[in-house]
Amino acid sequence: MTRIAEIIHGWLGWCPNAHTLKSRNIGEAGFNLHAGNPHVKSPDPSGANEPGIPRRGKYEHTQRGTLIIGAVSAAIFIILATTYLYGPEWVAIIVLAIMIFVLAIMSTLTVSVNEGLLRIRFGPVGLVRKEWPLSEIVSVTAVNNPWYYGYGLRWTPYGRLYNVSGRGAVEVLLFSGKKFRIGTDEPETLKNAIETALSENKKLTRDR
């Protein structure tokens, strides 16, 4: 009976016992879960298998400087509107160029942990960037900055601050005794990524 069902299914693509045939095929083939299956959870796009758990210590995340982008964009709009109404002025053109430059270098902050390095890069251009070897890092702590610490590259009582938005940050302590803070909208995830990378880095050093 099953053989007849298979023949009909092959000819017509349908048969009265299709459910029986399907059950038989599943039983023989077993469960094959693919990425397109709605019951399979795809890896987190930030490089984590689960939220807050970095995959193999690799991490990359870009935070937008919402306030910076809004303020600079408003200034650019005002300058363009003024230029349109009253004609171009050298001062307005210079200020416009400065505003565009600020957007290019300070509108975002990208933080990555990979290849034994902790890296930061400001803006899509990446003109301002810095990196630290993981071997120089002692510890990392999730912190909140006071609002008056501001944005950009700032000096604080806890060392240099790299920030484009919000108050969340991670504080990194180096073996040299120096500290610095990296602003982020996901401090715990970044902290976990750095700690995971530090653990793997130490393991690789012991195995050598």
Protein backbone atom coordinates (compact mmCIF):
# COMPACT_ATOMS: atom_id res chain seq x y z
CA MET A 1 0.00 0.00 0.00
CA THR A 2 2.87 2.36 0.86
CA ARG A 3 4.53 1.53 -2.49
CA ILE A 4 1.35 2.46 -4.38
CA ALA A 5 1.18 5.75 -2.43
CA GLU A 6 4.77 6.50 -3.43
CA ILE A 7 3.99 5.89 -7.14
CA ILE A 8 0.89 8.12 -7.05
CA HIS A 9 2.80 10.82 -5.20
CA GLY A 10 5.56 10.67 -7.82
CA TRP A 11 3.08 11.08 -10.68
CA LEU A 12 0.70 13.66 -9.25
CA GLY A 13 2.61 15.28 -6.40
CA TRP A 14 -0.30 14.34 -4.13
CA CYS A 15 -1.96 11.20 -2.83
CA PRO A 16 -4.63 10.32 -0.21
CA ASN A 17 -1.96 8.84 2.11
CA ALA A 18 0.48 11.71 1.74
CA HIS A 19 0.60 12.19 5.49
CA THR A 20 1.62 8.54 5.90
CA LEU A 21 4.36 8.91 3.31
CA LYS A 22 5.58 12.13 4.95
CA SER A 23 5.73 10.46 8.35
CA ARG A 24 7.68 7.55 6.88
CA ASN A 25 10.19 9.83 5.18
CA ILE A 26 10.69 11.86 8.35
CA GLY A 27 11.22 8.69 10.32
CA GLU A 28 13.90 7.53 7.89
CA ALA A 29 15.65 10.84 7.41
CA GLY A 30 15.45 12.07 11.00
CA PHE A 31 15.29 15.71 11.96
CA ASN A 32 17.21 18.08 9.69
CA LEU A 33 17.04 21.62 11.01
CA HIS A 34 18.14 24.42 8.71
CA ALA A 35 18.67 28.12 9.26
CA GLY A 36 15.41 28.87 7.46
CA ASN A 37 13.40 26.74 9.90
CA PRO A 38 11.36 29.11 12.09
CA HIS A 39 12.05 26.91 15.12
CA VAL A 40 15.81 27.31 14.83
CA LYS A 41 17.29 30.33 16.52
CA SER A 42 19.83 32.08 14.30
CA PRO A 43 23.03 33.40 15.85
CA ASP A 44 22.83 36.90 17.23
CA PRO A 45 24.05 39.44 14.63
CA SER A 46 26.42 41.03 17.15
CA GLY A 47 28.45 37.83 17.21
CA ALA A 48 26.83 36.13 20.19
CA ASN A 49 25.18 32.73 20.41
CA GLU A 50 22.83 34.14 23.05
CA PRO A 51 22.33 37.71 24.25
CA GLY A 52 25.32 38.78 26.33
CA ILE A 53 27.37 35.66 25.46
CA PRO A 54 30.01 36.53 22.82
CA ARG A 55 30.97 33.87 20.33
CA ARG A 56 34.64 32.92 20.73
CA GLY A 57 35.39 36.32 22.21
CA LYS A 58 34.64 38.13 18.93
CA TYR A 59 32.52 41.25 19.08
CA GLU A 60 31.70 44.32 16.99
CA HIS A 61 29.05 46.94 17.62
CA THR A 62 28.40 50.44 16.28
CA GLN A 63 26.59 52.99 18.40
CA ARG A 64 25.05 56.08 16.81
CA GLY A 65 25.58 59.45 18.41
CA THR A 66 21.92 60.45 18.24
CA LEU A 67 22.32 63.83 19.99
CA ILE A 68 25.42 64.74 17.98
CA ILE A 69 23.76 63.76 14.69
CA GLY A 70 20.58 65.69 15.57
CA ALA A 71 22.37 68.86 16.68
CA VAL A 72 24.82 68.94 13.77
CA SER A 73 22.11 68.12 11.23
CA ALA A 74 19.98 70.99 12.60
CA ALA A 75 22.94 73.36 12.29
CA ILE A 76 23.58 72.22 8.72
CA PHE A 77 19.91 72.77 7.84
CA ILE A 78 19.98 76.31 9.26
CA ILE A 79 23.16 77.16 7.35
CA LEU A 80 21.75 75.79 4.09
CA ALA A 81 18.46 77.65 4.59
CA THR A 82 20.31 80.90 5.35
CA THR A 83 22.54 80.45 2.31
CA TYR A 84 19.51 79.83 0.10
CA LEU A 85 17.69 82.93 1.35
CA TYR A 86 20.56 85.42 1.59
CA GLY A 87 23.23 83.96 -0.65
CA PRO A 88 26.51 82.21 0.19
CA GLU A 89 28.89 83.68 2.75
CA TRP A 90 32.42 82.50 3.39
CA VAL A 91 31.78 82.17 7.11
CA ALA A 92 28.70 80.05 6.51
CA ILE A 93 30.57 77.82 4.06
CA ILE A 94 33.42 77.30 6.54
CA VAL A 95 31.00 76.47 9.36
CA LEU A 96 29.12 74.08 7.06
CA ALA A 97 32.37 72.29 6.20
CA ILE A 98 33.18 71.97 9.91
CA MET A 99 29.73 70.52 10.66
CA ILE A 100 30.06 67.94 7.88
CA PHE A 101 33.53 67.06 9.17
CA VAL A 102 32.14 66.54 12.69
CA LEU A 103 29.49 64.17 11.32
CA ALA A 104 32.13 62.26 9.39
CA ILE A 105 34.38 61.67 12.39
CA MET A 106 32.08 61.74 15.45
CA SER A 107 28.62 60.51 14.43
CA THR A 108 29.23 56.89 15.48
CA LEU A 109 31.51 54.81 17.68
CA THR A 110 32.41 51.28 16.62
CA VAL A 111 33.91 48.93 19.22
CA SER A 112 35.37 45.55 18.27
CA VAL A 113 37.14 42.72 20.06
CA ASN A 114 39.05 40.45 17.71
CA GLU A 115 42.49 39.09 16.87
CA GLY A 116 43.83 39.80 20.33
CA LEU A 117 42.91 43.49 20.22
CA LEU A 118 40.30 45.85 21.65
CA ARG A 119 39.61 48.48 19.00
CA ILE A 120 37.52 51.65 18.77
CA ARG A 121 36.76 53.75 15.69
CA PHE A 122 34.91 57.05 15.54
CA GLY A 123 32.64 57.82 12.59
CA PRO A 124 32.21 56.05 9.28
CA VAL A 125 35.49 57.56 8.06
CA GLY A 126 37.53 56.10 10.91
CA LEU A 127 39.92 59.04 11.07
CA VAL A 128 40.00 58.81 14.87
CA ARG A 129 40.77 55.29 16.06
CA LYS A 130 42.69 53.48 18.78
CA GLU A 131 43.49 49.91 19.81
CA TRP A 132 44.85 48.08 22.85
CA PRO A 133 46.32 44.55 22.99
CA LEU A 134 44.24 42.28 25.20
CA SER A 135 47.46 41.18 26.90
CA GLU A 136 47.70 44.67 28.45
CA ILE A 137 44.22 44.56 30.02
CA VAL A 138 43.78 43.54 33.66
CA SER A 139 40.03 43.94 34.09
CA VAL A 140 36.91 45.60 32.72
CA THR A 141 33.87 46.98 34.58
CA ALA A 142 30.47 48.18 33.37
CA VAL A 143 29.87 51.75 34.62
CA ASN A 144 27.59 54.79 34.24
CA ASN A 145 29.12 58.19 33.48
CA PRO A 146 27.74 61.43 34.93
CA TRP A 147 25.90 63.43 32.27
CA TYR A 148 28.47 66.25 32.45
CA TYR A 149 31.26 63.99 31.14
CA GLY A 150 29.84 64.76 27.71
CA TYR A 151 30.66 63.25 24.32
CA GLY A 152 33.68 62.90 22.11
CA LEU A 153 37.19 62.43 23.48
CA ARG A 154 37.15 63.69 27.07
CA TRP A 155 39.43 63.62 30.09
CA THR A 156 37.81 62.38 33.31
CA PRO A 157 39.01 61.45 36.82
CA TYR A 158 38.95 57.86 35.53
CA GLY A 159 41.12 58.50 32.49
CA ARG A 160 40.24 59.20 28.86
CA LEU A 161 36.60 58.75 27.82
CA TYR A 162 35.58 57.78 24.28
CA ASN A 163 31.85 58.38 23.89
CA VAL A 164 29.22 59.49 21.36
CA SER A 165 25.94 58.93 23.20
CA GLY A 166 24.37 58.06 26.54
CA ARG A 167 25.89 57.41 29.94
CA GLY A 168 26.69 53.70 29.72
CA ALA A 169 30.34 52.69 29.41
CA VAL A 170 32.95 50.11 30.30
CA GLU A 171 36.00 51.04 32.33
CA VAL A 172 39.19 49.24 31.33
CA LEU A 173 42.16 48.84 33.67
CA LEU A 174 45.60 48.22 32.15
CA PHE A 175 48.61 46.57 33.74
CA SER A 176 50.34 49.96 33.56
CA GLY A 177 47.77 51.25 36.06
CA LYS A 178 46.09 53.51 33.51
CA LYS A 179 42.33 53.49 33.02
CA PHE A 180 40.05 54.57 30.23
CA ARG A 181 36.33 54.35 29.47
CA ILE A 182 34.52 53.39 26.28
CA GLY A 183 30.95 54.61 25.92
CA THR A 184 28.42 52.03 24.76
CA ASP A 185 24.69 51.34 24.78
CA GLU A 186 25.33 47.68 25.73
CA PRO A 187 27.96 47.80 28.51
CA GLU A 188 27.28 44.31 29.88
CA THR A 189 27.60 42.68 26.47
CA LEU A 190 30.85 44.52 25.74
CA LYS A 191 32.16 43.62 29.19
CA ASN A 192 31.35 39.94 28.59
CA ALA A 193 33.02 40.05 25.17
CA ILE A 194 36.24 41.51 26.55
CA GLU A 195 36.32 39.09 29.48
CA THR A 196 35.71 36.12 27.16
CA ALA A 197 38.48 37.31 24.85
CA LEU A 198 40.82 37.80 27.82
CA SER A 199 40.10 34.26 29.02
CA GLU A 200 40.78 32.80 25.58
CA ASN A 201 43.92 34.91 25.21
CA LYS A 202 45.28 33.57 28.52
CA LYS A 203 44.44 30.00 27.49
CA LEU A 204 46.31 30.40 24.19
CA THR A 205 49.30 31.84 26.05
CA ARG A 206 49.40 28.84 28.43
CA ASP A 207 49.13 26.34 25.56
CA ARG A 208 52.12 27.80 23.71
